[in-house]
Protein backbone atom coordinates (compact mmCIF):
# COMPACT_ATOMS: atom_id res chain seq x y z
CA MET A 1 49.90 36.12 -0.18
CA GLY A 2 47.39 35.65 2.16
CA ILE A 3 45.96 32.69 -0.20
CA VAL A 4 48.52 32.78 -2.89
CA SER A 5 51.30 31.16 -0.65
CA PRO A 6 49.69 28.00 1.32
CA ILE A 7 48.21 27.01 -2.50
CA THR A 8 51.75 26.99 -3.78
CA ALA A 9 53.34 25.20 -0.70
CA VAL A 10 50.63 22.84 -0.15
CA MET A 11 50.65 21.78 -3.89
CA SER A 12 54.55 21.20 -4.14
CA GLY A 13 53.97 18.76 -1.13
CA ALA A 14 51.66 17.03 -2.05
CA ILE A 15 52.57 15.70 -5.90
CA PRO A 16 55.53 13.94 -4.86
CA VAL A 17 53.13 12.09 -1.96
CA VAL A 18 51.03 10.95 -4.73
CA VAL A 19 53.56 10.21 -6.84
CA GLY A 20 54.99 8.28 -4.26
CA VAL A 21 52.34 6.68 -2.53
CA PHE A 22 51.05 4.94 -6.69
CA GLY A 23 54.80 4.57 -6.75
CA GLY A 24 54.98 1.47 -4.36
CA GLU A 25 55.64 3.73 -1.31
CA GLN A 26 54.11 2.98 2.03
CA PRO A 27 54.28 5.53 4.93
CA THR A 28 52.94 4.37 8.60
CA ALA A 29 49.36 5.58 9.65
CA TRP A 30 52.03 7.71 12.08
CA ALA A 31 53.41 9.32 8.78
CA TYR A 32 49.96 10.12 7.29
CA LEU A 33 48.97 12.22 10.55
CA GLY A 34 51.97 13.75 10.55
CA MET A 35 51.60 14.84 6.31
CA ALA A 36 48.15 15.99 7.77
CA PHE A 37 49.88 18.17 10.36
CA ALA A 38 52.13 19.47 8.40
CA VAL A 39 49.38 20.73 5.69
CA VAL A 40 47.91 22.80 8.71
CA ALA A 41 51.28 23.66 9.82
CA VAL A 42 52.11 24.86 6.10
CA ILE A 43 48.76 26.83 5.56
CA LEU A 44 48.99 28.78 9.01
CA VAL A 45 52.77 30.13 8.69
CA SER A 46 51.69 31.15 4.90
CA ARG A 47 48.95 33.26 6.21
CA GLU A 48 48.74 37.26 6.60
CA SER A 49 46.62 38.52 9.07
CA HIS A 50 46.37 41.98 6.62
CA HIS A 51 45.29 40.20 3.67
CA HIS A 52 43.14 42.94 2.21
CA GLY A 53 40.75 42.06 -0.67
CA LYS A 54 39.10 39.16 -2.76
CA THR A 55 41.71 37.32 -4.88
CA PRO A 56 41.54 37.12 -8.19
CA PRO A 57 40.92 33.81 -10.15
CA ILE A 58 43.39 34.07 -12.09
CA ALA A 59 46.32 34.36 -8.83
CA ILE A 60 44.99 30.81 -7.72
CA VAL A 61 45.32 29.51 -10.79
CA LEU A 62 48.79 30.81 -11.09
CA ALA A 63 49.42 29.70 -7.64
CA ILE A 64 48.53 26.16 -7.81
CA ALA A 65 50.09 25.87 -11.34
CA SER A 66 53.28 26.81 -9.69
CA GLY A 67 52.83 24.85 -6.89
CA VAL A 68 52.03 21.91 -9.45
CA ALA A 69 55.34 22.45 -11.46
CA ILE A 70 57.46 23.10 -8.04
CA GLY A 71 56.04 19.47 -7.08
CA LEU A 72 56.80 18.01 -10.13
CA TYR A 73 60.29 19.63 -10.32
CA LEU A 74 60.97 18.06 -6.72
CA THR A 75 59.20 14.40 -7.96
CA ALA A 76 61.88 14.45 -10.52
CA LEU A 77 64.35 15.31 -8.30
CA GLY A 78 63.36 12.36 -6.12
CA SER A 79 62.44 9.82 -8.78
CA ALA A 80 66.52 9.70 -9.83
CA PRO A 81 68.72 7.00 -9.10
CA LYS A 82 70.13 6.26 -5.84
CA ASP A 83 73.38 6.31 -6.96
CA SER A 84 73.14 9.76 -8.73
CA GLY A 85 74.38 11.90 -6.70
CA VAL A 86 73.30 15.38 -6.85
CA TRP A 87 74.62 15.59 -10.71
CA VAL A 88 70.08 15.41 -11.75
CA ALA A 89 70.13 18.55 -9.30
CA THR A 90 73.31 19.81 -10.96
CA LEU A 91 71.79 19.46 -14.53
CA GLY A 92 68.60 20.65 -13.91
CA ARG A 93 70.35 24.21 -12.22
CA TRP A 94 72.43 24.19 -15.46
CA VAL A 95 68.99 24.38 -17.54
CA SER A 96 67.19 26.60 -15.62
CA SER A 97 70.10 29.11 -15.57
CA VAL A 98 70.72 28.90 -19.49
CA ILE A 99 66.99 29.93 -19.70
CA MET A 100 66.92 32.40 -17.53
CA ILE A 101 70.05 33.71 -19.24
CA ALA A 102 68.27 33.75 -22.45
CA VAL A 103 65.33 35.59 -21.30
CA VAL A 104 67.59 38.33 -19.57
CA ILE A 105 69.43 38.63 -23.34
CA PHE A 106 66.39 38.54 -25.49
CA VAL A 107 62.85 39.23 -23.26
CA VAL A 108 64.51 42.01 -20.63
CA ARG A 109 66.41 44.01 -22.88
CA SER A 110 65.68 47.12 -20.55
CA PHE A 111 67.59 45.53 -17.57
CA THR A 112 68.38 48.17 -15.20
CA ARG A 113 72.45 47.30 -13.65
CA THR A 114 73.12 50.33 -11.75
CA GLY A 115 71.99 49.28 -7.85
CA PHE A 116 70.89 45.75 -8.37
CA PRO A 117 71.21 43.75 -5.30
CA TRP A 118 73.90 41.21 -7.04
CA LEU A 119 75.53 40.07 -3.55
CA LEU A 120 71.74 38.93 -2.81
CA ALA A 121 70.45 37.41 -6.01
CA VAL A 122 74.03 35.31 -5.58
CA GLY A 123 73.29 34.19 -2.16
CA ALA A 124 70.29 32.96 -3.31
CA GLY A 125 70.87 31.10 -6.14
CA VAL A 126 73.62 29.16 -3.78
CA LEU A 127 70.99 28.38 -1.43
CA ASP A 128 68.68 27.05 -3.53
CA ALA A 129 70.60 25.02 -5.44
CA VAL A 130 72.49 23.65 -2.47
CA ALA A 131 68.69 22.94 -0.90
CA ASN A 132 67.77 21.05 -4.19
CA GLY A 133 71.05 19.41 -4.06
CA VAL A 134 70.29 18.30 -0.06
CA PHE A 135 67.05 17.26 -1.29
CA GLN A 136 68.01 15.01 -3.71
CA LEU A 137 70.15 13.26 -1.23
CA ALA A 138 67.24 12.94 1.22
CA SER A 139 65.11 11.44 -1.30
CA GLN A 140 67.42 8.76 -1.91
CA ARG A 141 67.83 7.69 1.74
CA GLY A 142 63.87 8.15 2.74
CA LEU A 143 60.37 7.61 1.32
CA LEU A 144 59.92 10.61 -1.37
CA SER A 145 56.16 11.52 0.31
CA VAL A 146 57.73 11.96 3.69
CA VAL A 147 60.77 13.69 2.48
CA ALA A 148 58.67 16.13 0.20
CA VAL A 149 56.21 17.13 2.87
CA LEU A 150 58.81 17.87 5.27
CA ALA A 151 60.32 19.74 2.48
CA SER A 152 57.08 21.96 1.96
CA LEU A 153 57.58 23.37 5.60
CA TYR A 154 60.07 26.13 3.64
CA PRO A 155 57.67 28.58 4.62
CA ALA A 156 58.21 27.97 8.14
CA ALA A 157 62.25 29.03 7.91
CA THR A 158 60.54 32.59 7.33
CA VAL A 159 59.69 32.88 10.44
CA PRO A 160 62.93 33.65 12.83
CA GLY A 161 63.85 36.10 9.98
CA ALA A 162 60.87 38.07 10.45
CA LEU A 163 60.81 37.63 14.40
CA ALA A 164 64.45 39.35 14.82
CA ASN A 165 63.00 42.08 12.21
CA PRO A 166 60.07 43.18 12.98
CA PRO A 167 58.55 45.69 10.98
CA PRO A 168 58.86 49.56 11.64
CA ILE A 169 57.12 51.65 14.01
CA ILE A 170 56.01 54.72 12.05
CA PHE A 171 55.31 57.59 14.02
CA PRO A 172 53.87 60.58 13.22
CA GLU A 173 55.65 63.27 10.72
CA PRO A 174 56.89 66.22 12.91
CA SER A 175 55.01 68.57 11.15
CA ARG A 176 51.88 66.73 12.19
CA MET A 177 52.74 66.77 15.80
CA MET A 178 54.13 70.25 15.54
CA ASN A 179 50.55 71.37 14.31
CA VAL A 180 48.98 69.61 16.67
CA THR A 181 51.05 70.93 19.48
CA LEU A 182 50.58 74.59 17.96
CA LEU A 183 46.78 73.92 18.33
CA ASN A 184 46.53 72.78 21.67
CA GLN A 185 48.53 75.72 22.84
CA SER A 186 46.23 77.94 20.85
CA SER A 187 43.25 76.41 22.92
CA LEU A 188 44.60 76.73 26.20
CA GLU A 189 45.42 80.36 25.63
CA ARG A 190 41.91 81.07 24.29
CA PHE A 191 40.84 79.66 27.26
CA ALA A 192 42.82 81.20 29.89
CA LYS A 193 41.65 84.47 28.64
CA ALA A 194 37.92 83.49 28.18
CA PRO A 195 35.56 84.90 31.06
CA THR A 196 35.52 83.19 34.32
CA ILE A 197 31.71 82.17 33.40
CA THR A 198 32.70 80.95 30.55
CA ARG A 199 35.46 78.57 32.01
CA LEU A 200 33.17 77.44 34.60
CA TYR A 201 30.20 76.05 31.66
CA SER A 202 33.24 74.58 30.08
CA THR A 203 34.80 72.66 32.69
CA SER A 204 31.24 71.63 33.86
CA SER A 205 28.99 69.15 31.17
CA THR A 206 26.05 69.13 33.80
CA THR A 207 26.01 72.79 35.55
CA SER A 208 24.29 75.44 33.35
CA PRO A 209 25.07 78.69 33.26
CA PRO A 210 23.52 81.66 35.46
CA ALA A 211 20.91 83.48 34.13
CA PHE A 212 20.92 87.34 33.88
């Protein structure tokens, strides 16, 4: 995720920018500067500090393909007529829902319904539909190149949730702590029963025991 997420986010915003500029949009110099800062912000927010190992090339290819697909989808929403409202986003959501239902029925036959987070899935679908509709309305009232870059900052929306729910602190298992405690107690008992000369030698690393 340390590399995949930034690639997807940047590509999803870059495609509408290219299409909008070549389509005749003329953002100001300040808008281009803001786009550059937005790209840097997306990369910084999306990266993970605990990324381990080398990302396989297939993951990078899939991330680019995913970003391009999202970018083309947002471009299609932004290219809709201004008087179309949110119908393009609505029809697009219906089509994707039919495709996903067909995939579940004909491909994922061993679908486990017990314990499935239905409420979470429905909530995510509602938020996704609202986001697409709002994006279409925003692109009808502003430049697609600017709106798409602002929408690509969606990874930043996860920051408040991460701050509100920090990862749990993992403490040692009670059995291991008990073993360490018993080991220390046993060592102290042996040290207390040792001869006086041995204890003096153990407590001083520079003093040698007297020779007899």
